[in-house]
PDB file of N, CA and C in Angstrom:
ATOM      1  N   MET A   1      -9.195  -0.826 -11.167  1.00  0.00           N
ATOM      2  CA  MET A   1      -8.627  -1.810 -10.798  1.00  0.00           C
ATOM      3  C   MET A   1      -6.961  -0.895 -10.014  1.00  0.00           C
ATOM      4  N   LEU A   2      -6.486  -0.966  -9.034  1.00  0.00           N
ATOM      5  CA  LEU A   2      -5.594  -0.382  -8.776  1.00  0.00           C
ATOM      6  C   LEU A   2      -4.436  -1.536  -8.772  1.00  0.00           C
ATOM      7  N   LYS A   3      -2.400  -0.686  -9.560  1.00  0.00           N
ATOM      8  CA  LYS A   3      -1.794  -1.044  -9.538  1.00  0.00           C
ATOM      9  C   LYS A   3      -1.388  -0.784  -8.704  1.00  0.00           C
ATOM     10  N   LEU A   4      -0.847  -1.849  -7.068  1.00  0.00           N
ATOM     11  CA  LEU A   4       0.180  -1.987  -6.206  1.00  0.00           C
ATOM     12  C   LEU A   4       1.475  -2.100  -6.742  1.00  0.00           C
ATOM     13  N   LYS A   5       2.349  -1.563  -5.619  1.00  0.00           N
ATOM     14  CA  LYS A   5       3.253  -1.966  -6.027  1.00  0.00           C
ATOM     15  C   LYS A   5       4.147  -1.776  -4.283  1.00  0.00           C
ATOM     16  N   ILE A   6       4.230  -3.123  -3.777  1.00  0.00           N
ATOM     17  CA  ILE A   6       4.983  -3.072  -2.461  1.00  0.00           C
ATOM     18  C   ILE A   6       6.440  -3.293  -2.477  1.00  0.00           C
ATOM     19  N   VAL A   7       7.475  -2.588  -2.427  1.00  0.00           N
ATOM     20  CA  VAL A   7       8.780  -2.700  -1.932  1.00  0.00           C
ATOM     21  C   VAL A   7       9.765  -2.861  -0.842  1.00  0.00           C
ATOM     22  N   SER A   8      10.612  -3.061  -0.703  1.00  0.00           N
ATOM     23  CA  SER A   8      11.657  -3.330   0.940  1.00  0.00           C
ATOM     24  C   SER A   8      12.920  -4.074   0.177  1.00  0.00           C
ATOM     25  N   PRO A   9      13.420  -3.021   1.424  1.00  0.00           N
ATOM     26  CA  PRO A   9      15.674  -3.462   0.992  1.00  0.00           C
ATOM     27  C   PRO A   9      15.508  -4.200   0.028  1.00  0.00           C
ATOM     28  N   GLU A  10      15.238  -5.457   0.489  1.00  0.00           N
ATOM     29  CA  GLU A  10      15.023  -6.633   0.187  1.00  0.00           C
ATOM     30  C   GLU A  10      14.990  -7.389  -1.221  1.00  0.00           C
ATOM     31  N   ARG A  11      13.786  -6.653  -1.583  1.00  0.00           N
ATOM     32  CA  ARG A  11      13.321  -7.754  -2.735  1.00  0.00           C
ATOM     33  C   ARG A  11      11.243  -6.567  -2.766  1.00  0.00           C
ATOM     34  N   VAL A  12      11.150  -7.498  -4.188  1.00  0.00           N
ATOM     35  CA  VAL A  12       9.162  -6.775  -4.671  1.00  0.00           C
ATOM     36  C   VAL A  12       8.733  -7.663  -3.507  1.00  0.00           C
ATOM     37  N   GLU A  13       8.092  -7.390  -3.242  1.00  0.00           N
ATOM     38  CA  GLU A  13       7.231  -8.022  -1.550  1.00  0.00           C
ATOM     39  C   GLU A  13       5.665  -7.961  -3.107  1.00  0.00           C
ATOM     40  N   PHE A  14       5.278  -7.678  -3.925  1.00  0.00           N
ATOM     41  CA  PHE A  14       4.207  -7.630  -4.142  1.00  0.00           C
ATOM     42  C   PHE A  14       4.109  -6.867  -4.954  1.00  0.00           C
ATOM     43  N   ASP A  15       3.292  -6.272  -6.866  1.00  0.00           N
ATOM     44  CA  ASP A  15       3.939  -6.340  -7.823  1.00  0.00           C
ATOM     45  C   ASP A  15       2.216  -7.412  -8.233  1.00  0.00           C
ATOM     46  N   GLY A  16       1.478  -5.824  -9.001  1.00  0.00           N
ATOM     47  CA  GLY A  16       0.033  -6.723  -9.497  1.00  0.00           C
ATOM     48  C   GLY A  16      -0.638  -5.773  -9.215  1.00  0.00           C
ATOM     49  N   GLU A  17      -2.602  -6.263 -10.218  1.00  0.00           N
ATOM     50  CA  GLU A  17      -3.413  -5.123  -9.853  1.00  0.00           C
ATOM     51  C   GLU A  17      -4.260  -6.061  -8.150  1.00  0.00           C
ATOM     52  N   VAL A  18      -4.764  -4.646  -8.059  1.00  0.00           N
ATOM     53  CA  VAL A  18      -5.707  -5.141  -6.536  1.00  0.00           C
ATOM     54  C   VAL A  18      -7.307  -4.213  -6.434  1.00  0.00           C
ATOM     55  N   GLU A  19      -7.944  -3.958  -5.906  1.00  0.00           N
ATOM     56  CA  GLU A  19      -9.476  -3.375  -5.997  1.00  0.00           C
ATOM     57  C   GLU A  19      -9.116  -2.774  -4.958  1.00  0.00           C
ATOM     58  N   SER A  20      -8.756  -2.882  -3.518  1.00  0.00           N
ATOM     59  CA  SER A  20      -8.328  -1.540  -3.149  1.00  0.00           C
ATOM     60  C   SER A  20      -6.923  -2.036  -1.622  1.00  0.00           C
ATOM     61  N   VAL A  21      -6.427  -1.058  -1.373  1.00  0.00           N
ATOM     62  CA  VAL A  21      -4.922  -0.807  -0.545  1.00  0.00           C
ATOM     63  C   VAL A  21      -5.665   0.234   0.606  1.00  0.00           C
ATOM     64  N   LYS A  22      -5.102  -0.622   2.294  1.00  0.00           N
ATOM     65  CA  LYS A  22      -5.078  -0.280   3.234  1.00  0.00           C
ATOM     66  C   LYS A  22      -4.173  -0.157   3.702  1.00  0.00           C
ATOM     67  N   VAL A  23      -2.955   1.579   4.470  1.00  0.00           N
ATOM     68  CA  VAL A  23      -2.440   1.363   5.164  1.00  0.00           C
ATOM     69  C   VAL A  23      -1.923   2.356   5.850  1.00  0.00           C
ATOM     70  N   PRO A  24      -1.240   2.305   6.428  1.00  0.00           N
ATOM     71  CA  PRO A  24      -1.327   2.432   8.143  1.00  0.00           C
ATOM     72  C   PRO A  24      -0.280   3.797   8.535  1.00  0.00           C
ATOM     73  N   GLY A  25      -1.097   5.505   7.848  1.00  0.00           N
ATOM     74  CA  GLY A  25      -0.530   6.014   8.339  1.00  0.00           C
ATOM     75  C   GLY A  25       0.389   6.936   9.195  1.00  0.00           C
ATOM     76  N   THR A  26       0.447   8.146   9.123  1.00  0.00           N
ATOM     77  CA  THR A  26       1.639   8.622  10.873  1.00  0.00           C
ATOM     78  C   THR A  26       0.411   9.317  11.200  1.00  0.00           C
ATOM     79  N   VAL A  27      -0.744   9.870  10.322  1.00  0.00           N
ATOM     80  CA  VAL A  27      -1.871  10.578  11.339  1.00  0.00           C
ATOM     81  C   VAL A  27      -2.985  10.273  11.279  1.00  0.00           C
ATOM     82  N   GLY A  28      -3.189   8.508  10.762  1.00  0.00           N
ATOM     83  CA  GLY A  28      -4.082   6.910  11.090  1.00  0.00           C
ATOM     84  C   GLY A  28      -3.926   6.625   9.913  1.00  0.00           C
ATOM     85  N   GLU A  29      -4.371   4.876   9.703  1.00  0.00           N
ATOM     86  CA  GLU A  29      -4.979   4.318   8.794  1.00  0.00           C
ATOM     87  C   GLU A  29      -5.905   5.049   7.528  1.00  0.00           C
ATOM     88  N   PHE A  30      -5.744   5.107   6.826  1.00  0.00           N
ATOM     89  CA  PHE A  30      -6.486   5.147   5.304  1.00  0.00           C
ATOM     90  C   PHE A  30      -6.744   3.942   5.057  1.00  0.00           C
ATOM     91  N   GLU A  31      -7.553   4.119   3.570  1.00  0.00           N
ATOM     92  CA  GLU A  31      -7.900   3.217   2.824  1.00  0.00           C
ATOM     93  C   GLU A  31      -8.115   4.424   1.246  1.00  0.00           C
ATOM     94  N   VAL A  32      -7.401   3.183  -0.054  1.00  0.00           N
ATOM     95  CA  VAL A  32      -7.236   3.431  -1.008  1.00  0.00           C
ATOM     96  C   VAL A  32      -8.085   3.166  -2.004  1.00  0.00           C
ATOM     97  N   LEU A  33      -8.950   3.590  -2.611  1.00  0.00           N
ATOM     98  CA  LEU A  33      -9.554   2.914  -3.942  1.00  0.00           C
ATOM     99  C   LEU A  33      -9.181   3.488  -5.278  1.00  0.00           C
ATOM    100  N   VAL A  34     -10.161   2.470  -6.006  1.00  0.00           N
ATOM    101  CA  VAL A  34      -9.663   3.369  -7.434  1.00  0.00           C
ATOM    102  C   VAL A  34     -10.393   5.056  -7.691  1.00  0.00           C
ATOM    103  N   HIS A  35      -9.698   6.207  -8.262  1.00  0.00           N
ATOM    104  CA  HIS A  35      -9.622   7.513  -8.432  1.00  0.00           C
ATOM    105  C   HIS A  35      -9.562   8.015  -6.998  1.00  0.00           C
ATOM    106  N   HIS A  36      -8.278   7.083  -6.685  1.00  0.00           N
ATOM    107  CA  HIS A  36      -7.777   8.427  -5.083  1.00  0.00           C
ATOM    108  C   HIS A  36      -7.260   9.270  -5.034  1.00  0.00           C
ATOM    109  N   ALA A  37      -7.149  10.353  -4.672  1.00  0.00           N
ATOM    110  CA  ALA A  37      -6.842  12.361  -4.827  1.00  0.00           C
ATOM    111  C   ALA A  37      -5.330  11.185  -4.871  1.00  0.00           C
ATOM    112  N   PRO A  38      -4.267  12.005  -5.301  1.00  0.00           N
ATOM    113  CA  PRO A  38      -3.363  11.885  -5.063  1.00  0.00           C
ATOM    114  C   PRO A  38      -2.297  12.720  -4.375  1.00  0.00           C
ATOM    115  N   ILE A  39      -1.696  11.309  -3.580  1.00  0.00           N
ATOM    116  CA  ILE A  39      -1.092  11.711  -2.303  1.00  0.00           C
ATOM    117  C   ILE A  39       0.329  11.262  -1.466  1.00  0.00           C
ATOM    118  N   ILE A  40       0.417  11.786  -0.227  1.00  0.00           N
ATOM    119  CA  ILE A  40       2.394  10.873  -0.271  1.00  0.00           C
ATOM    120  C   ILE A  40       2.800  10.986   0.649  1.00  0.00           C
ATOM    121  N   SER A  41       1.960  10.145   0.856  1.00  0.00           N
ATOM    122  CA  SER A  41       2.029   9.668   3.261  1.00  0.00           C
ATOM    123  C   SER A  41       3.637   8.786   3.503  1.00  0.00           C
ATOM    124  N   SER A  42       3.588   9.198   4.783  1.00  0.00           N
ATOM    125  CA  SER A  42       4.694   8.344   5.481  1.00  0.00           C
ATOM    126  C   SER A  42       3.577   6.908   6.021  1.00  0.00           C
ATOM    127  N   LEU A  43       4.235   6.520   6.421  1.00  0.00           N
ATOM    128  CA  LEU A  43       3.928   4.785   7.090  1.00  0.00           C
ATOM    129  C   LEU A  43       4.096   4.517   8.501  1.00  0.00           C
ATOM    130  N   GLU A  44       3.733   4.001   9.294  1.00  0.00           N
ATOM    131  CA  GLU A  44       4.156   3.998  10.535  1.00  0.00           C
ATOM    132  C   GLU A  44       3.912   2.429  10.911  1.00  0.00           C
ATOM    133  N   ARG A  45       4.514   2.233  11.786  1.00  0.00           N
ATOM    134  CA  ARG A  45       4.318   0.207  12.209  1.00  0.00           C
ATOM    135  C   ARG A  45       2.541   0.024  12.060  1.00  0.00           C
ATOM    136  N   GLY A  46       2.294  -1.498  11.709  1.00  0.00           N
ATOM    137  CA  GLY A  46       1.218  -1.725  11.452  1.00  0.00           C
ATOM    138  C   GLY A  46       1.400  -2.834  10.727  1.00  0.00           C
ATOM    139  N   THR A  47       0.020  -2.485   9.813  1.00  0.00           N
ATOM    140  CA  THR A  47       0.193  -3.608   9.071  1.00  0.00           C
ATOM    141  C   THR A  47      -0.881  -2.833   7.630  1.00  0.00           C
ATOM    142  N   VAL A  48       0.057  -3.410   6.524  1.00  0.00           N
ATOM    143  CA  VAL A  48      -0.623  -3.133   4.411  1.00  0.00           C
ATOM    144  C   VAL A  48      -1.835  -4.579   4.289  1.00  0.00           C
ATOM    145  N   THR A  49      -2.893  -4.032   4.805  1.00  0.00           N
ATOM    146  CA  THR A  49      -3.836  -4.878   3.614  1.00  0.00           C
ATOM    147  C   THR A  49      -4.461  -4.520   2.470  1.00  0.00           C
ATOM    148  N   TYR A  50      -4.307  -4.964   1.937  1.00  0.00           N
ATOM    149  CA  TYR A  50      -4.847  -4.908  -0.345  1.00  0.00           C
ATOM    150  C   TYR A  50      -5.579  -6.677   0.083  1.00  0.00           C
ATOM    151  N   ARG A  51      -6.454  -5.894  -0.865  1.00  0.00           N
ATOM    152  CA  ARG A  51      -7.743  -6.806  -1.524  1.00  0.00           C
ATOM    153  C   ARG A  51      -7.504  -7.661  -3.642  1.00  0.00           C
ATOM    154  N   THR A  52      -7.211  -8.182  -3.545  1.00  0.00           N
ATOM    155  CA  THR A  52      -7.096  -9.105  -4.904  1.00  0.00           C
ATOM    156  C   THR A  52      -8.164  -9.511  -5.083  1.00  0.00           C
ATOM    157  N   SER A  53      -8.118  -9.961  -6.234  1.00  0.00           N
ATOM    158  CA  SER A  53      -9.362 -10.657  -6.725  1.00  0.00           C
ATOM    159  C   SER A  53      -9.443 -12.464  -5.687  1.00  0.00           C
ATOM    160  N   GLU A  54      -8.547 -12.989  -5.235  1.00  0.00           N
ATOM    161  CA  GLU A  54      -8.059 -14.299  -4.544  1.00  0.00           C
ATOM    162  C   GLU A  54      -8.511 -13.791  -3.612  1.00  0.00           C
ATOM    163  N   GLY A  55      -8.474 -12.795  -2.881  1.00  0.00           N
ATOM    164  CA  GLY A  55      -9.051 -12.685  -1.318  1.00  0.00           C
ATOM    165  C   GLY A  55      -8.560 -11.287  -1.179  1.00  0.00           C
ATOM    166  N   SER A  56      -8.454 -11.250   0.389  1.00  0.00           N
ATOM    167  CA  SER A  56      -8.147 -10.533   1.378  1.00  0.00           C
ATOM    168  C   SER A  56      -6.211 -11.178   1.380  1.00  0.00           C
ATOM    169  N   LYS A  57      -4.751 -10.321   1.414  1.00  0.00           N
ATOM    170  CA  LYS A  57      -3.765  -9.922   1.719  1.00  0.00           C
ATOM    171  C   LYS A  57      -3.092  -9.206   2.549  1.00  0.00           C
ATOM    172  N   THR A  58      -2.182  -9.482   3.595  1.00  0.00           N
ATOM    173  CA  THR A  58      -1.602  -8.495   4.669  1.00  0.00           C
ATOM    174  C   THR A  58       0.166  -8.472   4.747  1.00  0.00           C
ATOM    175  N   LEU A  59       0.247  -7.902   5.316  1.00  0.00           N
ATOM    176  CA  LEU A  59       1.759  -7.502   5.557  1.00  0.00           C
ATOM    177  C   LEU A  59       2.121  -6.567   7.004  1.00  0.00           C
ATOM    178  N   GLU A  60       2.987  -7.398   7.343  1.00  0.00           N
ATOM    179  CA  GLU A  60       3.488  -6.457   8.595  1.00  0.00           C
ATOM    180  C   GLU A  60       4.328  -5.400   7.708  1.00  0.00           C
ATOM    181  N   VAL A  61       4.200  -4.212   8.569  1.00  0.00           N
ATOM    182  CA  VAL A  61       5.688  -3.266   8.315  1.00  0.00           C
ATOM    183  C   VAL A  61       6.161  -2.214   9.907  1.00  0.00           C
ATOM    184  N   LYS A  62       7.509  -2.355   9.397  1.00  0.00           N
ATOM    185  CA  LYS A  62       7.871  -1.272  10.098  1.00  0.00           C
ATOM    186  C   LYS A  62       7.347  -0.136  10.646  1.00  0.00           C
ATOM    187  N   ASP A  63       7.902   0.450   8.832  1.00  0.00           N
ATOM    188  CA  ASP A  63       7.929   2.355   8.819  1.00  0.00           C
ATOM    189  C   ASP A  63       7.593   2.229   7.323  1.00  0.00           C
ATOM    190  N   GLY A  64       7.892   3.458   6.813  1.00  0.00           N
ATOM    191  CA  GLY A  64       7.883   3.086   5.445  1.00  0.00           C
ATOM    192  C   GLY A  64       7.367   4.730   4.503  1.00  0.00           C
ATOM    193  N   PHE A  65       6.203   4.503   3.297  1.00  0.00           N
ATOM    194  CA  PHE A  65       5.507   6.103   3.048  1.00  0.00           C
ATOM    195  C   PHE A  65       5.072   5.538   1.470  1.00  0.00           C
ATOM    196  N   VAL A  66       3.971   5.812   1.037  1.00  0.00           N
ATOM    197  CA  VAL A  66       3.046   5.468   0.492  1.00  0.00           C
ATOM    198  C   VAL A  66       2.742   6.695  -0.680  1.00  0.00           C
ATOM    199  N   SER A  67       2.626   6.785  -2.036  1.00  0.00           N
ATOM    200  CA  SER A  67       2.634   7.728  -3.103  1.00  0.00           C
ATOM    201  C   SER A  67       1.171   6.361  -4.153  1.00  0.00           C
ATOM    202  N   VAL A  68       0.143   8.129  -3.972  1.00  0.00           N
ATOM    203  CA  VAL A  68      -0.857   7.106  -4.395  1.00  0.00           C
ATOM    204  C   VAL A  68      -1.111   8.477  -6.653  1.00  0.00           C
ATOM    205  N   LYS A  69      -1.461   7.735  -7.010  1.00  0.00           N
ATOM    206  CA  LYS A  69      -1.279   8.586  -9.038  1.00  0.00           C
ATOM    207  C   LYS A  69      -2.369   7.951  -9.424  1.00  0.00           C
ATOM    208  N   LYS A  70      -2.778   8.825 -10.279  1.00  0.00           N
ATOM    209  CA  LYS A  70      -3.807   7.484 -11.824  1.00  0.00           C
ATOM    210  C   LYS A  70      -3.623   6.281 -11.028  1.00  0.00           C
ATOM    211  N   ASN A  71      -4.144   5.912  -9.984  1.00  0.00           N
ATOM    212  CA  ASN A  71      -4.379   4.461  -9.970  1.00  0.00           C
ATOM    213  C   ASN A  71      -3.170   3.815  -9.055  1.00  0.00           C
ATOM    214  N   VAL A  72      -2.213   4.265  -9.473  1.00  0.00           N
ATOM    215  CA  VAL A  72      -1.267   3.327  -8.894  1.00  0.00           C
ATOM    216  C   VAL A  72      -0.646   4.477  -7.789  1.00  0.00           C
ATOM    217  N   VAL A  73      -0.159   2.716  -7.359  1.00  0.00           N
ATOM    218  CA  VAL A  73      -0.180   3.009  -5.641  1.00  0.00           C
ATOM    219  C   VAL A  73       0.929   2.298  -5.091  1.00  0.00           C
ATOM    220  N   ASN A  74       2.466   2.811  -4.881  1.00  0.00           N
ATOM    221  CA  ASN A  74       3.724   2.581  -4.946  1.00  0.00           C
ATOM    222  C   ASN A  74       4.045   2.893  -3.079  1.00  0.00           C
ATOM    223  N   ILE A  75       4.312   1.423  -2.699  1.00  0.00           N
ATOM    224  CA  ILE A  75       4.480   1.186  -1.051  1.00  0.00           C
ATOM    225  C   ILE A  75       5.700   0.809  -1.175  1.00  0.00           C
ATOM    226  N   CYS A  76       6.901   1.851  -0.251  1.00  0.00           N
ATOM    227  CA  CYS A  76       8.581   1.271  -0.059  1.00  0.00           C
ATOM    228  C   CYS A  76       8.208   1.046   1.565  1.00  0.00           C
ATOM    229  N   VAL A  77       8.559   0.260   1.939  1.00  0.00           N
ATOM    230  CA  VAL A  77       8.951   0.127   3.556  1.00  0.00           C
ATOM    231  C   VAL A  77       9.867  -0.851   4.072  1.00  0.00           C
ATOM    232  N   GLU A  78      10.087  -0.572   4.956  1.00  0.00           N
ATOM    233  CA  GLU A  78      10.635  -1.568   6.167  1.00  0.00           C
ATOM    234  C   GLU A  78       9.759  -2.665   6.816  1.00  0.00           C
ATOM    235  N   ILE A  79      10.908  -3.477   6.273  1.00  0.00           N
ATOM    236  CA  ILE A  79       9.416  -5.250   6.674  1.00  0.00           C
ATOM    237  C   ILE A  79       9.986  -5.146   8.673  1.00  0.00           C
TER     238      ILE A  79
END
């Protein structure tokens, strides 16, 4: 499992465990799975999709950035 935290200037949008996360990177959409290589990427307008044990959830974002390291995914976004 991945530990995902999504924050916006207003609040913490999500904080919990997920199976995968798909983000709109500035050079294309990409998916983060368990044991993904460390990465930092900027995000553009699009949809962040994450899959929990309860199903898939989406969040529309204007821009932001994502960092991935040791199965921890931190996303800072403008909604």
